[in-house]
Amino acid sequence: MKTALFVLCFLSATAAFGQATGSTGSATLSSTLQMASHPERASQHSLAQEENLMEHSNFYFAQGERPLWEVQGPSKVRPLPLGDIARMYRKDHELVKKADIVVHE
């Protein structure tokens, strides 16, 4: 166990040394980073010609529209409480026929 831990530490140290040496050597040979400039992006220019998006649509509306909640009125269907639903499931479970086969090991 100690040998495996020593080998793991040795390989990790070797990899870290290789990364540190490789990055230092290549940094001296590379030139400085030059970012490309885009002067047209920052300049001011006129906006595009405006266009009507609703020109070819069949969108109709009338004065005096009412929201659905005003027209629909109260719902006639009363939702069942969760406790009643659980009691129905329990009663159905009691009425289900049990298995007739008994397996003995």
PDB file of N, CA and C in Angstrom:
ATOM      1  N   MET A   1       0.828  -1.194   0.000  1.00  0.00           N
ATOM      2  CA  MET A   1       0.000   0.000   0.000  1.00  0.00           C
ATOM      3  C   MET A   1       0.869   1.253   0.000  1.00  0.00           C
ATOM      4  N   LYS A   2       1.939   1.207   0.804  1.00  0.00           N
ATOM      5  CA  LYS A   2       2.841   2.363   0.858  1.00  0.00           C
ATOM      6  C   LYS A   2       3.551   2.561  -0.471  1.00  0.00           C
ATOM      7  N   THR A   3       3.875   1.455  -1.139  1.00  0.00           N
ATOM      8  CA  THR A   3       4.571   1.546  -2.427  1.00  0.00           C
ATOM      9  C   THR A   3       3.659   2.191  -3.477  1.00  0.00           C
ATOM     10  N   ALA A   4       2.387   1.790  -3.487  1.00  0.00           N
ATOM     11  CA  ALA A   4       1.440   2.359  -4.455  1.00  0.00           C
ATOM     12  C   ALA A   4       1.243   3.851  -4.204  1.00  0.00           C
ATOM     13  N   LEU A   5       1.180   4.235  -2.937  1.00  0.00           N
ATOM     14  CA  LEU A   5       1.026   5.657  -2.612  1.00  0.00           C
ATOM     15  C   LEU A   5       2.260   6.441  -3.029  1.00  0.00           C
ATOM     16  N   PHE A   6       3.452   5.856  -2.831  1.00  0.00           N
ATOM     17  CA  PHE A   6       4.690   6.521  -3.231  1.00  0.00           C
ATOM     18  C   PHE A   6       4.747   6.693  -4.750  1.00  0.00           C
ATOM     19  N   VAL A   7       4.367   5.656  -5.500  1.00  0.00           N
ATOM     20  CA  VAL A   7       4.373   5.725  -6.968  1.00  0.00           C
ATOM     21  C   VAL A   7       3.389   6.789  -7.448  1.00  0.00           C
ATOM     22  N   LEU A   8       2.213   6.858  -6.829  1.00  0.00           N
ATOM     23  CA  LEU A   8       1.213   7.860  -7.212  1.00  0.00           C
ATOM     24  C   LEU A   8       1.735   9.273  -6.969  1.00  0.00           C
ATOM     25  N   CYS A   9       2.348   9.498  -5.822  1.00  0.00           N
ATOM     26  CA  CYS A   9       2.912  10.820  -5.516  1.00  0.00           C
ATOM     27  C   CYS A   9       4.053  11.164  -6.468  1.00  0.00           C
ATOM     28  N   PHE A  10       4.873  10.183  -6.800  1.00  0.00           N
ATOM     29  CA  PHE A  10       5.996  10.413  -7.702  1.00  0.00           C
ATOM     30  C   PHE A  10       5.504  10.799  -9.102  1.00  0.00           C
ATOM     31  N   LEU A  11       4.488  10.085  -9.596  1.00  0.00           N
ATOM     32  CA  LEU A  11       3.950  10.401 -10.916  1.00  0.00           C
ATOM     33  C   LEU A  11       3.262  11.765 -10.935  1.00  0.00           C
ATOM     34  N   SER A  12       2.576  12.103  -9.865  1.00  0.00           N
ATOM     35  CA  SER A  12       1.925  13.417  -9.790  1.00  0.00           C
ATOM     36  C   SER A  12       2.959  14.534  -9.768  1.00  0.00           C
ATOM     37  N   ALA A  13       4.035  14.329  -9.019  1.00  0.00           N
ATOM     38  CA  ALA A  13       5.084  15.348  -8.955  1.00  0.00           C
ATOM     39  C   ALA A  13       5.773  15.496 -10.305  1.00  0.00           C
ATOM     40  N   THR A  14       5.970  14.390 -11.015  1.00  0.00           N
ATOM     41  CA  THR A  14       6.599  14.438 -12.331  1.00  0.00           C
ATOM     42  C   THR A  14       5.716  15.198 -13.325  1.00  0.00           C
ATOM     43  N   ALA A  15       4.401  14.934 -13.282  1.00  0.00           N
ATOM     44  CA  ALA A  15       3.477  15.630 -14.185  1.00  0.00           C
ATOM     45  C   ALA A  15       3.423  17.118 -13.867  1.00  0.00           C
ATOM     46  N   ALA A  16       3.412  17.476 -12.596  1.00  0.00           N
ATOM     47  CA  ALA A  16       3.378  18.890 -12.211  1.00  0.00           C
ATOM     48  C   ALA A  16       4.661  19.596 -12.631  1.00  0.00           C
ATOM     49  N   PHE A  17       5.799  18.941 -12.480  1.00  0.00           N
ATOM     50  CA  PHE A  17       7.068  19.524 -12.890  1.00  0.00           C
ATOM     51  C   PHE A  17       7.108  19.727 -14.399  1.00  0.00           C
ATOM     52  N   GLY A  18       6.581  18.765 -15.145  1.00  0.00           N
ATOM     53  CA  GLY A  18       6.554  18.887 -16.601  1.00  0.00           C
ATOM     54  C   GLY A  18       5.664  20.028 -17.073  1.00  0.00           C
ATOM     55  N   GLN A  19       4.537  20.228 -16.416  1.00  0.00           N
ATOM     56  CA  GLN A  19       3.659  21.330 -16.793  1.00  0.00           C
ATOM     57  C   GLN A  19       4.289  22.670 -16.462  1.00  0.00           C
ATOM     58  N   ALA A  20       4.923  22.771 -15.313  1.00  0.00           N
ATOM     59  CA  ALA A  20       5.536  24.033 -14.901  1.00  0.00           C
ATOM     60  C   ALA A  20       6.700  24.386 -15.815  1.00  0.00           C
ATOM     61  N   THR A  21       7.512  23.406 -16.179  1.00  0.00           N
ATOM     62  CA  THR A  21       8.664  23.658 -17.039  1.00  0.00           C
ATOM     63  C   THR A  21       8.213  23.979 -18.459  1.00  0.00           C
ATOM     64  N   GLY A  22       7.233  23.273 -18.944  1.00  0.00           N
ATOM     65  CA  GLY A  22       6.769  23.496 -20.307  1.00  0.00           C
ATOM     66  C   GLY A  22       6.124  24.855 -20.485  1.00  0.00           C
ATOM     67  N   SER A  23       5.377  25.329 -19.509  1.00  0.00           N
ATOM     68  CA  SER A  23       4.710  26.618 -19.662  1.00  0.00           C
ATOM     69  C   SER A  23       5.698  27.772 -19.545  1.00  0.00           C
ATOM     70  N   THR A  24       6.755  27.618 -18.746  1.00  0.00           N
ATOM     71  CA  THR A  24       7.738  28.688 -18.593  1.00  0.00           C
ATOM     72  C   THR A  24       8.586  28.810 -19.839  1.00  0.00           C
ATOM     73  N   GLY A  25       8.954  27.689 -20.439  1.00  0.00           N
ATOM     74  CA  GLY A  25       9.806  27.721 -21.623  1.00  0.00           C
ATOM     75  C   GLY A  25       9.086  28.291 -22.826  1.00  0.00           C
ATOM     76  N   SER A  26       7.805  27.998 -22.990  1.00  0.00           N
ATOM     77  CA  SER A  26       7.086  28.482 -24.165  1.00  0.00           C
ATOM     78  C   SER A  26       6.655  29.932 -24.016  1.00  0.00           C
ATOM     79  N   ALA A  27       6.567  30.434 -22.797  1.00  0.00           N
ATOM     80  CA  ALA A  27       6.141  31.814 -22.590  1.00  0.00           C
ATOM     81  C   ALA A  27       7.195  32.799 -23.077  1.00  0.00           C
ATOM     82  N   THR A  28       8.446  32.445 -22.982  1.00  0.00           N
ATOM     83  CA  THR A  28       9.507  33.357 -23.427  1.00  0.00           C
ATOM     84  C   THR A  28       9.578  33.418 -24.940  1.00  0.00           C
ATOM     85  N   LEU A  29       9.151  32.364 -25.635  1.00  0.00           N
ATOM     86  CA  LEU A  29       9.251  32.325 -27.082  1.00  0.00           C
ATOM     87  C   LEU A  29       8.037  32.956 -27.771  1.00  0.00           C
ATOM     88  N   SER A  30       6.915  33.043 -27.087  1.00  0.00           N
ATOM     89  CA  SER A  30       5.704  33.549 -27.739  1.00  0.00           C
ATOM     90  C   SER A  30       5.674  35.073 -27.721  1.00  0.00           C
ATOM     91  N   SER A  31       4.941  35.626 -28.665  1.00  0.00           N
ATOM     92  CA  SER A  31       4.792  37.077 -28.718  1.00  0.00           C
ATOM     93  C   SER A  31       3.573  37.488 -27.896  1.00  0.00           C
ATOM     94  N   THR A  32       3.395  38.771 -27.705  1.00  0.00           N
ATOM     95  CA  THR A  32       2.259  39.249 -26.925  1.00  0.00           C
ATOM     96  C   THR A  32       0.973  39.062 -27.723  1.00  0.00           C
ATOM     97  N   LEU A  33      -0.123  38.947 -27.022  1.00  0.00           N
ATOM     98  CA  LEU A  33      -1.420  38.688 -27.635  1.00  0.00           C
ATOM     99  C   LEU A  33      -1.990  39.987 -28.189  1.00  0.00           C
ATOM    100  N   GLN A  34      -2.393  39.984 -29.455  1.00  0.00           N
ATOM    101  CA  GLN A  34      -2.991  41.144 -30.111  1.00  0.00           C
ATOM    102  C   GLN A  34      -4.461  40.851 -30.371  1.00  0.00           C
ATOM    103  N   MET A  35      -5.356  41.623 -29.779  1.00  0.00           N
ATOM    104  CA  MET A  35      -6.789  41.439 -30.000  1.00  0.00           C
ATOM    105  C   MET A  35      -7.200  42.195 -31.263  1.00  0.00           C
ATOM    106  N   ALA A  36      -8.047  41.576 -32.082  1.00  0.00           N
ATOM    107  CA  ALA A  36      -8.524  42.227 -33.303  1.00  0.00           C
ATOM    108  C   ALA A  36      -9.526  43.303 -32.938  1.00  0.00           C
ATOM    109  N   SER A  37      -9.437  44.433 -33.590  1.00  0.00           N
ATOM    110  CA  SER A  37     -10.378  45.518 -33.312  1.00  0.00           C
ATOM    111  C   SER A  37     -11.452  45.541 -34.393  1.00  0.00           C
ATOM    112  N   HIS A  38     -12.642  45.941 -34.000  1.00  0.00           N
ATOM    113  CA  HIS A  38     -13.765  46.037 -34.922  1.00  0.00           C
ATOM    114  C   HIS A  38     -14.338  47.449 -34.813  1.00  0.00           C
ATOM    115  N   PRO A  39     -13.795  48.423 -35.534  1.00  0.00           N
ATOM    116  CA  PRO A  39     -14.253  49.811 -35.387  1.00  0.00           C
ATOM    117  C   PRO A  39     -15.684  50.015 -35.871  1.00  0.00           C
ATOM    118  N   GLU A  40     -16.174  49.228 -36.824  1.00  0.00           N
ATOM    119  CA  GLU A  40     -17.532  49.405 -37.326  1.00  0.00           C
ATOM    120  C   GLU A  40     -18.573  49.024 -36.291  1.00  0.00           C
ATOM    121  N   ARG A  41     -18.242  48.133 -35.401  1.00  0.00           N
ATOM    122  CA  ARG A  41     -19.178  47.739 -34.358  1.00  0.00           C
ATOM    123  C   ARG A  41     -19.477  48.893 -33.415  1.00  0.00           C
ATOM    124  N   ALA A  42     -18.499  49.753 -33.164  1.00  0.00           N
ATOM    125  CA  ALA A  42     -18.660  50.807 -32.177  1.00  0.00           C
ATOM    126  C   ALA A  42     -19.156  52.116 -32.785  1.00  0.00           C
ATOM    127  N   SER A  43     -19.182  52.233 -34.088  1.00  0.00           N
ATOM    128  CA  SER A  43     -19.575  53.510 -34.688  1.00  0.00           C
ATOM    129  C   SER A  43     -21.096  53.627 -34.752  1.00  0.00           C
ATOM    130  N   GLN A  44     -21.580  54.873 -34.815  1.00  0.00           N
ATOM    131  CA  GLN A  44     -23.019  55.117 -34.913  1.00  0.00           C
ATOM    132  C   GLN A  44     -23.442  55.116 -36.374  1.00  0.00           C
ATOM    133  N   HIS A  45     -24.586  54.513 -36.636  1.00  0.00           N
ATOM    134  CA  HIS A  45     -25.143  54.524 -37.982  1.00  0.00           C
ATOM    135  C   HIS A  45     -26.653  54.499 -37.870  1.00  0.00           C
ATOM    136  N   SER A  46     -27.343  54.737 -38.989  1.00  0.00           N
ATOM    137  CA  SER A  46     -28.797  54.840 -38.960  1.00  0.00           C
ATOM    138  C   SER A  46     -29.418  53.456 -38.776  1.00  0.00           C
ATOM    139  N   LEU A  47     -30.650  53.456 -38.267  1.00  0.00           N
ATOM    140  CA  LEU A  47     -31.372  52.213 -38.057  1.00  0.00           C
ATOM    141  C   LEU A  47     -31.976  51.731 -39.366  1.00  0.00           C
ATOM    142  N   ALA A  48     -32.401  50.490 -39.410  1.00  0.00           N
ATOM    143  CA  ALA A  48     -33.020  49.922 -40.608  1.00  0.00           C
ATOM    144  C   ALA A  48     -34.412  50.522 -40.796  1.00  0.00           C
ATOM    145  N   GLN A  49     -34.932  50.381 -42.012  1.00  0.00           N
ATOM    146  CA  GLN A  49     -36.258  50.886 -42.332  1.00  0.00           C
ATOM    147  C   GLN A  49     -37.306  50.115 -41.528  1.00  0.00           C
ATOM    148  N   GLU A  50     -38.269  50.812 -40.933  1.00  0.00           N
ATOM    149  CA  GLU A  50     -39.271  50.112 -40.126  1.00  0.00           C
ATOM    150  C   GLU A  50     -40.254  49.399 -41.029  1.00  0.00           C
ATOM    151  N   GLU A  51     -40.758  48.251 -40.539  1.00  0.00           N
ATOM    152  CA  GLU A  51     -41.721  47.477 -41.309  1.00  0.00           C
ATOM    153  C   GLU A  51     -42.830  47.012 -40.382  1.00  0.00           C
ATOM    154  N   ASN A  52     -44.022  46.833 -40.934  1.00  0.00           N
ATOM    155  CA  ASN A  52     -45.187  46.434 -40.170  1.00  0.00           C
ATOM    156  C   ASN A  52     -45.240  44.909 -40.100  1.00  0.00           C
ATOM    157  N   LEU A  53     -45.227  44.379 -38.901  1.00  0.00           N
ATOM    158  CA  LEU A  53     -45.260  42.931 -38.733  1.00  0.00           C
ATOM    159  C   LEU A  53     -46.672  42.369 -38.877  1.00  0.00           C
ATOM    160  N   MET A  54     -47.686  43.197 -38.702  1.00  0.00           N
ATOM    161  CA  MET A  54     -49.071  42.733 -38.762  1.00  0.00           C
ATOM    162  C   MET A  54     -49.685  42.919 -40.155  1.00  0.00           C
ATOM    163  N   GLU A  55     -48.888  43.191 -41.154  1.00  0.00           N
ATOM    164  CA  GLU A  55     -49.387  43.521 -42.486  1.00  0.00           C
ATOM    165  C   GLU A  55     -50.170  42.373 -43.120  1.00  0.00           C
ATOM    166  N   HIS A  56     -49.715  41.140 -42.999  1.00  0.00           N
ATOM    167  CA  HIS A  56     -50.345  40.009 -43.676  1.00  0.00           C
ATOM    168  C   HIS A  56     -51.025  39.052 -42.702  1.00  0.00           C
ATOM    169  N   SER A  57     -51.405  39.514 -41.529  1.00  0.00           N
ATOM    170  CA  SER A  57     -52.023  38.615 -40.556  1.00  0.00           C
ATOM    171  C   SER A  57     -53.530  38.828 -40.516  1.00  0.00           C
ATOM    172  N   ASN A  58     -54.257  37.817 -40.038  1.00  0.00           N
ATOM    173  CA  ASN A  58     -55.698  37.899 -39.891  1.00  0.00           C
ATOM    174  C   ASN A  58     -56.037  38.089 -38.423  1.00  0.00           C
ATOM    175  N   PHE A  59     -55.695  39.199 -37.886  1.00  0.00           N
ATOM    176  CA  PHE A  59     -55.918  39.485 -36.480  1.00  0.00           C
ATOM    177  C   PHE A  59     -57.097  40.449 -36.380  1.00  0.00           C
ATOM    178  N   TYR A  60     -58.149  40.020 -35.686  1.00  0.00           N
ATOM    179  CA  TYR A  60     -59.342  40.841 -35.553  1.00  0.00           C
ATOM    180  C   TYR A  60     -59.632  41.067 -34.084  1.00  0.00           C
ATOM    181  N   PHE A  61     -60.167  42.214 -33.770  1.00  0.00           N
ATOM    182  CA  PHE A  61     -60.620  42.480 -32.417  1.00  0.00           C
ATOM    183  C   PHE A  61     -61.807  43.420 -32.485  1.00  0.00           C
ATOM    184  N   ALA A  62     -62.608  43.388 -31.434  1.00  0.00           N
ATOM    185  CA  ALA A  62     -63.790  44.238 -31.394  1.00  0.00           C
ATOM    186  C   ALA A  62     -63.778  45.023 -30.098  1.00  0.00           C
ATOM    187  N   GLN A  63     -64.488  46.124 -30.089  1.00  0.00           N
ATOM    188  CA  GLN A  63     -64.570  46.927 -28.881  1.00  0.00           C
ATOM    189  C   GLN A  63     -65.448  46.213 -27.857  1.00  0.00           C
ATOM    190  N   GLY A  64     -65.108  46.333 -26.602  1.00  0.00           N
ATOM    191  CA  GLY A  64     -65.924  45.769 -25.551  1.00  0.00           C
ATOM    192  C   GLY A  64     -65.653  44.305 -25.268  1.00  0.00           C
ATOM    193  N   GLU A  65     -64.476  43.817 -25.560  1.00  0.00           N
ATOM    194  CA  GLU A  65     -64.161  42.428 -25.226  1.00  0.00           C
ATOM    195  C   GLU A  65     -64.146  42.250 -23.722  1.00  0.00           C
ATOM    196  N   ARG A  66     -64.601  41.072 -23.283  1.00  0.00           N
ATOM    197  CA  ARG A  66     -64.616  40.777 -21.851  1.00  0.00           C
ATOM    198  C   ARG A  66     -63.714  39.588 -21.584  1.00  0.00           C
ATOM    199  N   PRO A  67     -63.037  39.606 -20.463  1.00  0.00           N
ATOM    200  CA  PRO A  67     -62.193  38.456 -20.134  1.00  0.00           C
ATOM    201  C   PRO A  67     -63.040  37.209 -19.891  1.00  0.00           C
ATOM    202  N   LEU A  68     -62.430  36.036 -20.067  1.00  0.00           N
ATOM    203  CA  LEU A  68     -63.145  34.778 -19.938  1.00  0.00           C
ATOM    204  C   LEU A  68     -63.690  34.577 -18.533  1.00  0.00           C
ATOM    205  N   TRP A  69     -62.975  35.028 -17.515  1.00  0.00           N
ATOM    206  CA  TRP A  69     -63.441  34.815 -16.152  1.00  0.00           C
ATOM    207  C   TRP A  69     -64.732  35.578 -15.866  1.00  0.00           C
ATOM    208  N   GLU A  70     -65.013  36.637 -16.616  1.00  0.00           N
ATOM    209  CA  GLU A  70     -66.276  37.350 -16.433  1.00  0.00           C
ATOM    210  C   GLU A  70     -67.420  36.609 -17.128  1.00  0.00           C
ATOM    211  N   VAL A  71     -67.160  35.968 -18.238  1.00  0.00           N
ATOM    212  CA  VAL A  71     -68.194  35.328 -19.037  1.00  0.00           C
ATOM    213  C   VAL A  71     -68.496  33.925 -18.532  1.00  0.00           C
ATOM    214  N   GLN A  72     -67.496  33.203 -18.116  1.00  0.00           N
ATOM    215  CA  GLN A  72     -67.646  31.787 -17.796  1.00  0.00           C
ATOM    216  C   GLN A  72     -68.522  31.562 -16.574  1.00  0.00           C
ATOM    217  N   GLY A  73     -68.388  32.357 -15.556  1.00  0.00           N
ATOM    218  CA  GLY A  73     -69.181  32.166 -14.351  1.00  0.00           C
ATOM    219  C   GLY A  73     -68.600  31.074 -13.472  1.00  0.00           C
ATOM    220  N   PRO A  74     -69.304  30.740 -12.393  1.00  0.00           N
ATOM    221  CA  PRO A  74     -68.772  29.723 -11.476  1.00  0.00           C
ATOM    222  C   PRO A  74     -68.822  28.333 -12.107  1.00  0.00           C
ATOM    223  N   SER A  75     -67.875  27.522 -11.746  1.00  0.00           N
ATOM    224  CA  SER A  75     -67.791  26.163 -12.267  1.00  0.00           C
ATOM    225  C   SER A  75     -68.812  25.284 -11.564  1.00  0.00           C
ATOM    226  N   LYS A  76     -69.522  24.429 -12.315  1.00  0.00           N
ATOM    227  CA  LYS A  76     -70.526  23.563 -11.731  1.00  0.00           C
ATOM    228  C   LYS A  76     -69.914  22.270 -11.211  1.00  0.00           C
ATOM    229  N   VAL A  77     -68.726  21.924 -11.634  1.00  0.00           N
ATOM    230  CA  VAL A  77     -68.055  20.703 -11.199  1.00  0.00           C
ATOM    231  C   VAL A  77     -67.246  21.032  -9.948  1.00  0.00           C
ATOM    232  N   ARG A  78     -67.587  20.343  -8.854  1.00  0.00           N
ATOM    233  CA  ARG A  78     -66.863  20.570  -7.604  1.00  0.00           C
ATOM    234  C   ARG A  78     -65.741  19.544  -7.503  1.00  0.00           C
ATOM    235  N   PRO A  79     -64.500  19.967  -7.330  1.00  0.00           N
ATOM    236  CA  PRO A  79     -63.405  18.991  -7.250  1.00  0.00           C
ATOM    237  C   PRO A  79     -63.493  18.179  -5.957  1.00  0.00           C
ATOM    238  N   LEU A  80     -63.134  16.902  -6.046  1.00  0.00           N
ATOM    239  CA  LEU A  80     -63.162  16.029  -4.876  1.00  0.00           C
ATOM    240  C   LEU A  80     -61.958  16.320  -3.987  1.00  0.00           C
ATOM    241  N   PRO A  81     -62.164  16.319  -2.679  1.00  0.00           N
ATOM    242  CA  PRO A  81     -61.023  16.488  -1.784  1.00  0.00           C
ATOM    243  C   PRO A  81     -60.092  15.278  -1.878  1.00  0.00           C
ATOM    244  N   LEU A  82     -58.830  15.486  -1.579  1.00  0.00           N
ATOM    245  CA  LEU A  82     -57.823  14.434  -1.694  1.00  0.00           C
ATOM    246  C   LEU A  82     -58.100  13.290  -0.732  1.00  0.00           C
ATOM    247  N   GLY A  83     -58.640  13.585   0.441  1.00  0.00           N
ATOM    248  CA  GLY A  83     -58.966  12.533   1.404  1.00  0.00           C
ATOM    249  C   GLY A  83     -60.036  11.591   0.885  1.00  0.00           C
ATOM    250  N   ASP A  84     -61.051  12.133   0.194  1.00  0.00           N
ATOM    251  CA  ASP A  84     -62.099  11.286  -0.386  1.00  0.00           C
ATOM    252  C   ASP A  84     -61.547  10.378  -1.478  1.00  0.00           C
ATOM    253  N   ILE A  85     -60.639  10.901  -2.269  1.00  0.00           N
ATOM    254  CA  ILE A  85     -60.025  10.095  -3.323  1.00  0.00           C
ATOM    255  C   ILE A  85     -59.225   8.952  -2.706  1.00  0.00           C
ATOM    256  N   ALA A  86     -58.495   9.240  -1.614  1.00  0.00           N
ATOM    257  CA  ALA A  86     -57.711   8.195  -0.937  1.00  0.00           C
ATOM    258  C   ALA A  86     -58.625   7.129  -0.352  1.00  0.00           C
ATOM    259  N   ARG A  87     -59.772   7.523   0.219  1.00  0.00           N
ATOM    260  CA  ARG A  87     -60.716   6.537   0.765  1.00  0.00           C
ATOM    261  C   ARG A  87     -61.281   5.649  -0.333  1.00  0.00           C
ATOM    262  N   MET A  88     -61.579   6.225  -1.509  1.00  0.00           N
ATOM    263  CA  MET A  88     -62.096   5.423  -2.628  1.00  0.00           C
ATOM    264  C   MET A  88     -61.063   4.403  -3.082  1.00  0.00           C
ATOM    265  N   TYR A  89     -59.790   4.819  -3.179  1.00  0.00           N
ATOM    266  CA  TYR A  89     -58.742   3.881  -3.574  1.00  0.00           C
ATOM    267  C   TYR A  89     -58.573   2.767  -2.550  1.00  0.00           C
ATOM    268  N   ARG A  90     -58.662   3.106  -1.263  1.00  0.00           N
ATOM    269  CA  ARG A  90     -58.524   2.095  -0.212  1.00  0.00           C
ATOM    270  C   ARG A  90     -59.674   1.089  -0.295  1.00  0.00           C
ATOM    271  N   LYS A  91     -60.910   1.573  -0.534  1.00  0.00           N
ATOM    272  CA  LYS A  91     -62.068   0.685  -0.639  1.00  0.00           C
ATOM    273  C   LYS A  91     -61.933  -0.212  -1.869  1.00  0.00           C
ATOM    274  N   ASP A  92     -61.457   0.335  -2.993  1.00  0.00           N
ATOM    275  CA  ASP A  92     -61.239  -0.483  -4.186  1.00  0.00           C
ATOM    276  C   ASP A  92     -60.184  -1.545  -3.926  1.00  0.00           C
ATOM    277  N   HIS A  93     -59.157  -1.209  -3.172  1.00  0.00           N
ATOM    278  CA  HIS A  93     -58.097  -2.175  -2.869  1.00  0.00           C
ATOM    279  C   HIS A  93     -58.626  -3.323  -2.013  1.00  0.00           C
ATOM    280  N   GLU A  94     -59.547  -3.040  -1.109  1.00  0.00           N
ATOM    281  CA  GLU A  94     -60.117  -4.090  -0.264  1.00  0.00           C
ATOM    282  C   GLU A  94     -61.037  -5.011  -1.068  1.00  0.00           C
ATOM    283  N   LEU A  95     -61.691  -4.508  -2.103  1.00  0.00           N
ATOM    284  CA  LEU A  95     -62.634  -5.301  -2.877  1.00  0.00           C
ATOM    285  C   LEU A  95     -61.976  -6.160  -3.950  1.00  0.00           C
ATOM    286  N   VAL A  96     -60.715  -5.902  -4.247  1.00  0.00           N
ATOM    287  CA  VAL A  96     -60.030  -6.655  -5.301  1.00  0.00           C
ATOM    288  C   VAL A  96     -59.839  -8.111  -4.851  1.00  0.00           C
ATOM    289  N   LYS A  97     -60.078  -9.044  -5.780  1.00  0.00           N
ATOM    290  CA  LYS A  97     -59.952 -10.459  -5.473  1.00  0.00           C
ATOM    291  C   LYS A  97     -58.483 -10.811  -5.211  1.00  0.00           C
ATOM    292  N   LYS A  98     -58.261 -11.542  -4.176  1.00  0.00           N
ATOM    293  CA  LYS A  98     -56.902 -11.950  -3.832  1.00  0.00           C
ATOM    294  C   LYS A  98     -56.518 -13.194  -4.641  1.00  0.00           C
ATOM    295  N   ALA A  99     -55.238 -13.491  -4.694  1.00  0.00           N
ATOM    296  CA  ALA A  99     -54.733 -14.644  -5.438  1.00  0.00           C
ATOM    297  C   ALA A  99     -55.095 -15.946  -4.705  1.00  0.00           C
ATOM    298  N   ASP A 100     -55.473 -16.979  -5.476  1.00  0.00           N
ATOM    299  CA  ASP A 100     -55.825 -18.283  -4.897  1.00  0.00           C
ATOM    300  C   ASP A 100     -54.621 -19.203  -4.789  1.00  0.00           C
ATOM    301  N   ILE A 101     -53.566 -18.923  -5.530  1.00  0.00           N
ATOM    302  CA  ILE A 101     -52.401 -19.806  -5.572  1.00  0.00           C
ATOM    303  C   ILE A 101     -51.474 -19.459  -4.403  1.00  0.00           C
ATOM    304  N   VAL A 102     -51.067 -20.496  -3.674  1.00  0.00           N
ATOM    305  CA  VAL A 102     -50.128 -20.340  -2.571  1.00  0.00           C
ATOM    306  C   VAL A 102     -48.899 -21.165  -2.905  1.00  0.00           C
ATOM    307  N   VAL A 103     -47.743 -20.547  -2.890  1.00  0.00           N
ATOM    308  CA  VAL A 103     -46.501 -21.241  -3.230  1.00  0.00           C
ATOM    309  C   VAL A 103     -45.769 -21.581  -1.946  1.00  0.00           C
ATOM    310  N   HIS A 104     -45.434 -22.863  -1.764  1.00  0.00           N
ATOM    311  CA  HIS A 104     -44.663 -23.302  -0.604  1.00  0.00           C
ATOM    312  C   HIS A 104     -43.251 -23.603  -1.057  1.00  0.00           C
ATOM    313  N   GLU A 105     -42.312 -23.148  -0.291  1.00  0.00           N
ATOM    314  CA  GLU A 105     -40.903 -23.394  -0.661  1.00  0.00           C
ATOM    315  C   GLU A 105     -40.348 -24.566   0.063  1.00  0.00           C
TER     316      GLU A 105
END
